[in-house]
Amino acid sequence: MRNKKSQAVLARLKQITGTKTDAALSSALKISPQTLSSWKGRDSTPYSICIDIARTKGISLDWLLLGEGPMLRQLPNDTRDDTSERTLQESTVLALWRRLKEEDRVVVQSVLEDKRRLRDLELKLEQMSANLSALQQSDQG
């Protein structure tokens, strides 16, 4: 990539990886700081790394390389059916999940597990309330 566009690509890579500095970005990309510095000096970024990141994180290459369109990759329109909305939502959630740092993933998973436990307790409470109501009605009748 040439024409100073690599700076914009590197900025978007920082956004995707949740990094703010060149050192943090090089660590996130698993490259040496010297390699990143070399890319900046030559005003180039290897497409292969961009493609790998886009694929693993569900990011649109148009957005990553050109800054155009939505950040997250979309499903093709010809796959639309009754489940397409759910599939698109799941893909979006998965893409966002992949962008999280591991410690944030742990927090999100914990919150989701707490939510599931609360839902289970609410269902049990509803069942117990229904049973109590039925017992009270049978005692009165």
N, C-alpha and C. Protein backbone atom coordinates (compact mmCIF):
# COMPACT_ATOMS: atom_id res chain seq x y z
N MET A 1 0.84 -1.17 0.00
CA MET A 1 0.00 0.00 0.00
C MET A 1 0.89 1.23 0.00
N ARG A 2 0.53 2.19 -0.79
CA ARG A 2 1.34 3.39 -0.91
C ARG A 2 0.48 4.63 -0.72
N ASN A 3 1.08 5.79 -0.95
CA ASN A 3 0.37 7.08 -0.92
C ASN A 3 -0.10 7.44 0.49
N LYS A 4 0.65 7.16 1.50
CA LYS A 4 0.34 7.53 2.89
C LYS A 4 -0.95 6.90 3.40
N LYS A 5 -1.51 5.97 2.65
CA LYS A 5 -2.72 5.31 3.10
C LYS A 5 -2.41 4.28 4.17
N SER A 6 -1.16 3.84 4.23
CA SER A 6 -0.82 2.84 5.24
C SER A 6 -0.97 3.40 6.65
N GLN A 7 -0.78 4.70 6.83
CA GLN A 7 -0.98 5.31 8.14
C GLN A 7 -2.42 5.15 8.60
N ALA A 8 -3.36 5.33 7.66
CA ALA A 8 -4.77 5.16 7.99
C ALA A 8 -5.08 3.69 8.28
N VAL A 9 -4.46 2.79 7.52
CA VAL A 9 -4.66 1.36 7.76
C VAL A 9 -4.13 0.99 9.14
N LEU A 10 -2.96 1.50 9.47
CA LEU A 10 -2.38 1.22 10.79
C LEU A 10 -3.28 1.78 11.90
N ALA A 11 -3.88 2.94 11.68
CA ALA A 11 -4.79 3.50 12.68
C ALA A 11 -6.01 2.59 12.85
N ARG A 12 -6.52 2.05 11.73
CA ARG A 12 -7.66 1.14 11.83
C ARG A 12 -7.25 -0.18 12.49
N LEU A 13 -6.03 -0.63 12.22
CA LEU A 13 -5.53 -1.84 12.89
C LEU A 13 -5.44 -1.62 14.41
N LYS A 14 -5.03 -0.42 14.81
CA LYS A 14 -5.01 -0.10 16.24
C LYS A 14 -6.43 -0.14 16.81
N GLN A 15 -7.38 0.38 16.05
CA GLN A 15 -8.77 0.37 16.51
C GLN A 15 -9.27 -1.07 16.67
N ILE A 16 -8.98 -1.92 15.71
CA ILE A 16 -9.42 -3.32 15.74
C ILE A 16 -8.81 -4.05 16.92
N THR A 17 -7.52 -3.82 17.14
CA THR A 17 -6.80 -4.55 18.19
C THR A 17 -6.93 -3.91 19.56
N GLY A 18 -7.56 -2.73 19.61
CA GLY A 18 -7.72 -2.06 20.89
C GLY A 18 -6.42 -1.51 21.45
N THR A 19 -5.50 -1.17 20.56
CA THR A 19 -4.20 -0.65 20.98
C THR A 19 -4.13 0.84 20.67
N LYS A 20 -3.22 1.52 21.36
CA LYS A 20 -3.07 2.96 21.15
C LYS A 20 -1.67 3.33 20.67
N THR A 21 -0.70 2.50 20.98
CA THR A 21 0.68 2.83 20.62
C THR A 21 1.20 1.86 19.57
N ASP A 22 2.29 2.27 18.90
CA ASP A 22 2.91 1.39 17.92
C ASP A 22 3.46 0.13 18.59
N ALA A 23 4.00 0.27 19.79
CA ALA A 23 4.54 -0.89 20.50
C ALA A 23 3.45 -1.90 20.81
N ALA A 24 2.30 -1.39 21.25
CA ALA A 24 1.18 -2.28 21.56
C ALA A 24 0.65 -2.93 20.29
N LEU A 25 0.60 -2.18 19.19
CA LEU A 25 0.13 -2.73 17.92
C LEU A 25 1.07 -3.83 17.44
N SER A 26 2.36 -3.58 17.50
CA SER A 26 3.31 -4.60 17.05
C SER A 26 3.17 -5.87 17.89
N SER A 27 2.94 -5.71 19.16
CA SER A 27 2.73 -6.87 20.03
C SER A 27 1.44 -7.60 19.64
N ALA A 28 0.37 -6.86 19.40
CA ALA A 28 -0.91 -7.47 19.03
C ALA A 28 -0.82 -8.19 17.69
N LEU A 29 -0.02 -7.66 16.77
CA LEU A 29 0.14 -8.28 15.46
C LEU A 29 1.20 -9.38 15.47
N LYS A 30 1.88 -9.51 16.61
CA LYS A 30 2.95 -10.50 16.76
C LYS A 30 4.08 -10.26 15.75
N ILE A 31 4.46 -9.00 15.66
CA ILE A 31 5.59 -8.61 14.83
C ILE A 31 6.52 -7.77 15.70
N SER A 32 7.73 -7.59 15.24
CA SER A 32 8.67 -6.77 16.02
C SER A 32 8.36 -5.29 15.81
N PRO A 33 8.70 -4.47 16.81
CA PRO A 33 8.53 -3.02 16.63
C PRO A 33 9.33 -2.49 15.43
N GLN A 34 10.47 -3.14 15.13
CA GLN A 34 11.28 -2.72 13.99
C GLN A 34 10.53 -2.97 12.67
N THR A 35 9.78 -4.08 12.61
CA THR A 35 9.00 -4.37 11.41
C THR A 35 7.94 -3.30 11.20
N LEU A 36 7.25 -2.95 12.26
CA LEU A 36 6.22 -1.91 12.16
C LEU A 36 6.85 -0.58 11.75
N SER A 37 7.97 -0.27 12.34
CA SER A 37 8.68 0.97 11.99
C SER A 37 9.09 0.97 10.52
N SER A 38 9.51 -0.19 10.03
CA SER A 38 9.89 -0.32 8.63
C SER A 38 8.69 -0.08 7.72
N TRP A 39 7.52 -0.64 8.09
CA TRP A 39 6.30 -0.42 7.30
C TRP A 39 6.00 1.07 7.22
N LYS A 40 6.10 1.75 8.39
CA LYS A 40 5.79 3.17 8.42
C LYS A 40 6.78 3.96 7.56
N GLY A 41 8.07 3.59 7.64
CA GLY A 41 9.09 4.28 6.86
C GLY A 41 8.91 4.09 5.36
N ARG A 42 8.47 2.91 4.94
CA ARG A 42 8.24 2.62 3.53
C ARG A 42 6.82 2.98 3.10
N ASP A 43 5.99 3.38 4.07
CA ASP A 43 4.58 3.66 3.82
C ASP A 43 3.90 2.47 3.14
N SER A 44 4.09 1.30 3.77
CA SER A 44 3.48 0.08 3.23
C SER A 44 3.04 -0.83 4.38
N THR A 45 2.05 -1.62 4.07
CA THR A 45 1.54 -2.61 5.03
C THR A 45 1.25 -3.88 4.24
N PRO A 46 1.73 -5.03 4.69
CA PRO A 46 1.48 -6.27 3.95
C PRO A 46 0.00 -6.63 3.95
N TYR A 47 -0.50 -6.93 2.75
CA TYR A 47 -1.90 -7.32 2.62
C TYR A 47 -2.20 -8.60 3.40
N SER A 48 -1.24 -9.51 3.46
CA SER A 48 -1.50 -10.80 4.10
C SER A 48 -1.90 -10.64 5.56
N ILE A 49 -1.27 -9.72 6.27
CA ILE A 49 -1.63 -9.49 7.67
C ILE A 49 -3.03 -8.89 7.75
N CYS A 50 -3.33 -7.95 6.86
CA CYS A 50 -4.67 -7.34 6.85
C CYS A 50 -5.73 -8.38 6.58
N ILE A 51 -5.47 -9.27 5.63
CA ILE A 51 -6.43 -10.32 5.30
C ILE A 51 -6.62 -11.26 6.48
N ASP A 52 -5.53 -11.66 7.12
CA ASP A 52 -5.63 -12.55 8.29
C ASP A 52 -6.43 -11.91 9.41
N ILE A 53 -6.13 -10.66 9.70
CA ILE A 53 -6.86 -9.95 10.77
C ILE A 53 -8.33 -9.82 10.42
N ALA A 54 -8.62 -9.44 9.19
CA ALA A 54 -10.01 -9.27 8.75
C ALA A 54 -10.76 -10.59 8.86
N ARG A 55 -10.12 -11.67 8.45
CA ARG A 55 -10.77 -12.97 8.49
C ARG A 55 -11.04 -13.41 9.93
N THR A 56 -10.06 -13.30 10.81
CA THR A 56 -10.23 -13.79 12.18
C THR A 56 -11.15 -12.91 13.01
N LYS A 57 -11.21 -11.63 12.68
CA LYS A 57 -12.01 -10.72 13.50
C LYS A 57 -13.34 -10.31 12.86
N GLY A 58 -13.63 -10.86 11.66
CA GLY A 58 -14.89 -10.55 11.01
C GLY A 58 -14.98 -9.12 10.51
N ILE A 59 -13.85 -8.56 10.12
CA ILE A 59 -13.77 -7.17 9.68
C ILE A 59 -13.83 -7.10 8.16
N SER A 60 -14.48 -6.08 7.63
CA SER A 60 -14.55 -5.86 6.19
C SER A 60 -13.20 -5.35 5.68
N LEU A 61 -12.72 -5.99 4.62
CA LEU A 61 -11.46 -5.52 4.02
C LEU A 61 -11.62 -4.13 3.40
N ASP A 62 -12.80 -3.83 2.87
CA ASP A 62 -13.03 -2.48 2.33
C ASP A 62 -12.82 -1.44 3.42
N TRP A 63 -13.34 -1.73 4.60
CA TRP A 63 -13.19 -0.79 5.70
C TRP A 63 -11.73 -0.72 6.15
N LEU A 64 -11.10 -1.89 6.32
CA LEU A 64 -9.73 -1.92 6.84
C LEU A 64 -8.75 -1.27 5.87
N LEU A 65 -8.83 -1.62 4.60
CA LEU A 65 -7.84 -1.12 3.65
C LEU A 65 -8.17 0.25 3.06
N LEU A 66 -9.48 0.52 2.89
CA LEU A 66 -9.87 1.76 2.22
C LEU A 66 -10.60 2.75 3.11
N GLY A 67 -11.05 2.27 4.29
CA GLY A 67 -11.82 3.14 5.16
C GLY A 67 -13.24 3.36 4.66
N GLU A 68 -13.74 2.44 3.83
CA GLU A 68 -15.06 2.59 3.23
C GLU A 68 -16.01 1.50 3.73
N GLY A 69 -17.27 1.86 3.86
CA GLY A 69 -18.30 0.89 4.23
C GLY A 69 -18.29 0.57 5.71
N PRO A 70 -19.10 -0.44 6.09
CA PRO A 70 -19.19 -0.80 7.50
C PRO A 70 -17.93 -1.53 7.95
N MET A 71 -17.62 -1.40 9.23
CA MET A 71 -16.43 -2.05 9.77
C MET A 71 -16.56 -3.57 9.76
N LEU A 72 -17.74 -4.07 10.14
CA LEU A 72 -17.93 -5.51 10.22
C LEU A 72 -18.36 -6.08 8.88
N ARG A 73 -17.83 -7.26 8.59
CA ARG A 73 -18.17 -7.94 7.35
C ARG A 73 -19.64 -8.33 7.36
N GLN A 74 -20.32 -8.16 6.24
CA GLN A 74 -21.73 -8.49 6.12
C GLN A 74 -21.90 -9.81 5.40
N LEU A 75 -23.03 -10.48 5.67
CA LEU A 75 -23.37 -11.68 4.93
C LEU A 75 -23.86 -11.30 3.53
N PRO A 76 -23.63 -12.17 2.55
CA PRO A 76 -24.17 -11.87 1.22
C PRO A 76 -25.69 -11.79 1.25
N ASN A 77 -26.27 -10.91 0.45
CA ASN A 77 -27.73 -10.73 0.42
C ASN A 77 -28.46 -11.95 -0.09
N ASP A 78 -27.81 -12.77 -0.91
CA ASP A 78 -28.52 -13.91 -1.49
C ASP A 78 -28.68 -15.07 -0.50
N THR A 79 -28.19 -14.95 0.70
CA THR A 79 -28.37 -16.01 1.69
C THR A 79 -29.51 -15.70 2.64
N ARG A 80 -30.29 -14.66 2.36
CA ARG A 80 -31.39 -14.26 3.24
C ARG A 80 -32.48 -15.31 3.26
N ASP A 81 -32.89 -15.69 4.45
CA ASP A 81 -34.04 -16.55 4.67
C ASP A 81 -34.57 -16.25 6.05
N ASP A 82 -35.37 -17.12 6.62
CA ASP A 82 -35.97 -16.85 7.93
C ASP A 82 -34.92 -16.68 9.03
N THR A 83 -33.80 -17.33 8.89
CA THR A 83 -32.77 -17.27 9.93
C THR A 83 -31.68 -16.26 9.62
N SER A 84 -31.78 -15.56 8.50
CA SER A 84 -30.69 -14.67 8.11
C SER A 84 -30.47 -13.53 9.10
N GLU A 85 -31.56 -12.99 9.66
CA GLU A 85 -31.40 -11.90 10.62
C GLU A 85 -30.66 -12.38 11.86
N ARG A 86 -31.04 -13.58 12.34
CA ARG A 86 -30.36 -14.14 13.51
C ARG A 86 -28.90 -14.45 13.17
N THR A 87 -28.66 -15.01 11.99
CA THR A 87 -27.31 -15.34 11.58
C THR A 87 -26.45 -14.09 11.48
N LEU A 88 -27.01 -13.02 10.93
CA LEU A 88 -26.28 -11.76 10.84
C LEU A 88 -25.97 -11.21 12.22
N GLN A 89 -26.96 -11.29 13.12
CA GLN A 89 -26.75 -10.82 14.49
C GLN A 89 -25.66 -11.66 15.17
N GLU A 90 -25.73 -12.97 14.99
CA GLU A 90 -24.71 -13.84 15.59
C GLU A 90 -23.34 -13.54 15.02
N SER A 91 -23.26 -13.31 13.71
CA SER A 91 -21.98 -12.98 13.09
C SER A 91 -21.43 -11.67 13.63
N THR A 92 -22.31 -10.71 13.81
CA THR A 92 -21.89 -9.41 14.35
C THR A 92 -21.37 -9.56 15.77
N VAL A 93 -22.11 -10.33 16.59
CA VAL A 93 -21.68 -10.55 17.97
C VAL A 93 -20.34 -11.27 17.99
N LEU A 94 -20.19 -12.28 17.13
CA LEU A 94 -18.93 -13.01 17.08
C LEU A 94 -17.77 -12.11 16.65
N ALA A 95 -18.02 -11.26 15.67
CA ALA A 95 -16.97 -10.34 15.23
C ALA A 95 -16.57 -9.38 16.35
N LEU A 96 -17.57 -8.89 17.08
CA LEU A 96 -17.27 -8.00 18.21
C LEU A 96 -16.53 -8.77 19.30
N TRP A 97 -16.94 -10.00 19.55
CA TRP A 97 -16.29 -10.86 20.56
C TRP A 97 -14.81 -11.02 20.22
N ARG A 98 -14.52 -11.26 18.96
CA ARG A 98 -13.14 -11.48 18.53
C ARG A 98 -12.28 -10.24 18.71
N ARG A 99 -12.90 -9.07 18.73
CA ARG A 99 -12.15 -7.83 18.91
C ARG A 99 -11.82 -7.55 20.37
N LEU A 100 -12.48 -8.25 21.30
CA LEU A 100 -12.26 -8.01 22.72
C LEU A 100 -10.94 -8.58 23.19
N LYS A 101 -10.37 -7.95 24.18
CA LYS A 101 -9.21 -8.51 24.86
C LYS A 101 -9.68 -9.66 25.73
N GLU A 102 -8.78 -10.57 26.05
CA GLU A 102 -9.15 -11.77 26.80
C GLU A 102 -9.80 -11.44 28.14
N GLU A 103 -9.28 -10.44 28.85
CA GLU A 103 -9.88 -10.11 30.15
C GLU A 103 -11.31 -9.58 30.00
N ASP A 104 -11.58 -8.88 28.88
CA ASP A 104 -12.94 -8.41 28.61
C ASP A 104 -13.86 -9.57 28.24
N ARG A 105 -13.31 -10.55 27.54
CA ARG A 105 -14.10 -11.74 27.21
C ARG A 105 -14.53 -12.48 28.48
N VAL A 106 -13.64 -12.56 29.44
CA VAL A 106 -13.95 -13.23 30.71
C VAL A 106 -15.09 -12.50 31.41
N VAL A 107 -15.05 -11.17 31.42
CA VAL A 107 -16.10 -10.38 32.06
C VAL A 107 -17.44 -10.59 31.35
N VAL A 108 -17.43 -10.53 30.02
CA VAL A 108 -18.67 -10.72 29.26
C VAL A 108 -19.24 -12.11 29.51
N GLN A 109 -18.38 -13.13 29.49
CA GLN A 109 -18.85 -14.49 29.72
C GLN A 109 -19.44 -14.62 31.12
N SER A 110 -18.82 -14.01 32.10
CA SER A 110 -19.34 -14.05 33.47
C SER A 110 -20.71 -13.41 33.57
N VAL A 111 -20.87 -12.26 32.92
CA VAL A 111 -22.16 -11.57 32.92
C VAL A 111 -23.23 -12.43 32.25
N LEU A 112 -22.87 -13.06 31.13
CA LEU A 112 -23.83 -13.92 30.44
C LEU A 112 -24.23 -15.12 31.30
N GLU A 113 -23.26 -15.69 31.99
CA GLU A 113 -23.57 -16.82 32.87
C GLU A 113 -24.46 -16.38 34.03
N ASP A 114 -24.19 -15.20 34.59
CA ASP A 114 -25.05 -14.66 35.65
C ASP A 114 -26.47 -14.44 35.14
N LYS A 115 -26.59 -13.92 33.93
CA LYS A 115 -27.90 -13.68 33.32
C LYS A 115 -28.66 -15.01 33.16
N ARG A 116 -27.96 -16.05 32.70
CA ARG A 116 -28.59 -17.37 32.55
C ARG A 116 -29.05 -17.91 33.89
N ARG A 117 -28.22 -17.77 34.92
CA ARG A 117 -28.60 -18.25 36.26
C ARG A 117 -29.81 -17.49 36.79
N LEU A 118 -29.85 -16.18 36.58
CA LEU A 118 -31.01 -15.39 37.00
C LEU A 118 -32.28 -15.83 36.27
N ARG A 119 -32.16 -16.09 34.99
CA ARG A 119 -33.32 -16.55 34.23
C ARG A 119 -33.81 -17.90 34.77
N ASP A 120 -32.88 -18.80 35.08
CA ASP A 120 -33.25 -20.10 35.66
C ASP A 120 -33.96 -19.91 37.00
N LEU A 121 -33.44 -19.00 37.83
CA LEU A 121 -34.07 -18.75 39.14
C LEU A 121 -35.46 -18.14 38.97
N GLU A 122 -35.62 -17.24 38.00
CA GLU A 122 -36.93 -16.65 37.75
C GLU A 122 -37.94 -17.72 37.33
N LEU A 123 -37.51 -18.65 36.49
CA LEU A 123 -38.41 -19.74 36.07
C LEU A 123 -38.80 -20.61 37.26
N LYS A 124 -37.83 -20.93 38.12
CA LYS A 124 -38.13 -21.73 39.31
C LYS A 124 -39.08 -20.99 40.23
N LEU A 125 -38.89 -19.69 40.37
CA LEU A 125 -39.78 -18.89 41.22
C LEU A 125 -41.20 -18.88 40.66
N GLU A 126 -41.32 -18.74 39.35
CA GLU A 126 -42.64 -18.80 38.72
C GLU A 126 -43.31 -20.15 38.97
N GLN A 127 -42.54 -21.22 38.86
CA GLN A 127 -43.10 -22.56 39.10
C GLN A 127 -43.55 -22.71 40.55
N MET A 128 -42.71 -22.23 41.46
CA MET A 128 -43.06 -22.32 42.88
C MET A 128 -44.30 -21.48 43.19
N SER A 129 -44.41 -20.30 42.58
CA SER A 129 -45.59 -19.46 42.79
C SER A 129 -46.84 -20.14 42.26
N ALA A 130 -46.73 -20.77 41.10
CA ALA A 130 -47.87 -21.48 40.53
C ALA A 130 -48.27 -22.65 41.43
N ASN A 131 -47.29 -23.38 41.96
CA ASN A 131 -47.57 -24.50 42.86
C ASN A 131 -48.22 -24.01 44.15
N LEU A 132 -47.73 -22.92 44.70
CA LEU A 132 -48.30 -22.36 45.93
C LEU A 132 -49.74 -21.91 45.69
N SER A 133 -49.97 -21.26 44.56
CA SER A 133 -51.32 -20.82 44.23
C SER A 133 -52.26 -22.02 44.09
N ALA A 134 -51.79 -23.07 43.47
CA ALA A 134 -52.62 -24.27 43.32
C ALA A 134 -52.91 -24.91 44.66
N LEU A 135 -51.93 -24.93 45.55
CA LEU A 135 -52.13 -25.49 46.90
C LEU A 135 -53.14 -24.66 47.69
N GLN A 136 -53.02 -23.34 47.59
CA GLN A 136 -53.94 -22.46 48.30
C GLN A 136 -55.37 -22.65 47.79
N GLN A 137 -55.54 -22.81 46.50
CA GLN A 137 -56.87 -23.02 45.94
C GLN A 137 -57.45 -24.36 46.38
N SER A 138 -56.61 -25.40 46.46
CA SER A 138 -57.12 -26.71 46.88
C SER A 138 -57.46 -26.70 48.36
N ASP A 139 -56.77 -25.91 49.19
CA ASP A 139 -57.09 -25.81 50.62
C ASP A 139 -58.41 -25.08 50.82
N GLN A 140 -58.70 -24.12 49.96
CA GLN A 140 -59.93 -23.34 50.08
C GLN A 140 -61.13 -24.11 49.52
N GLY A 141 -60.91 -25.01 48.62
CA GLY A 141 -62.03 -25.68 47.97
C GLY A 141 -62.44 -26.93 48.62
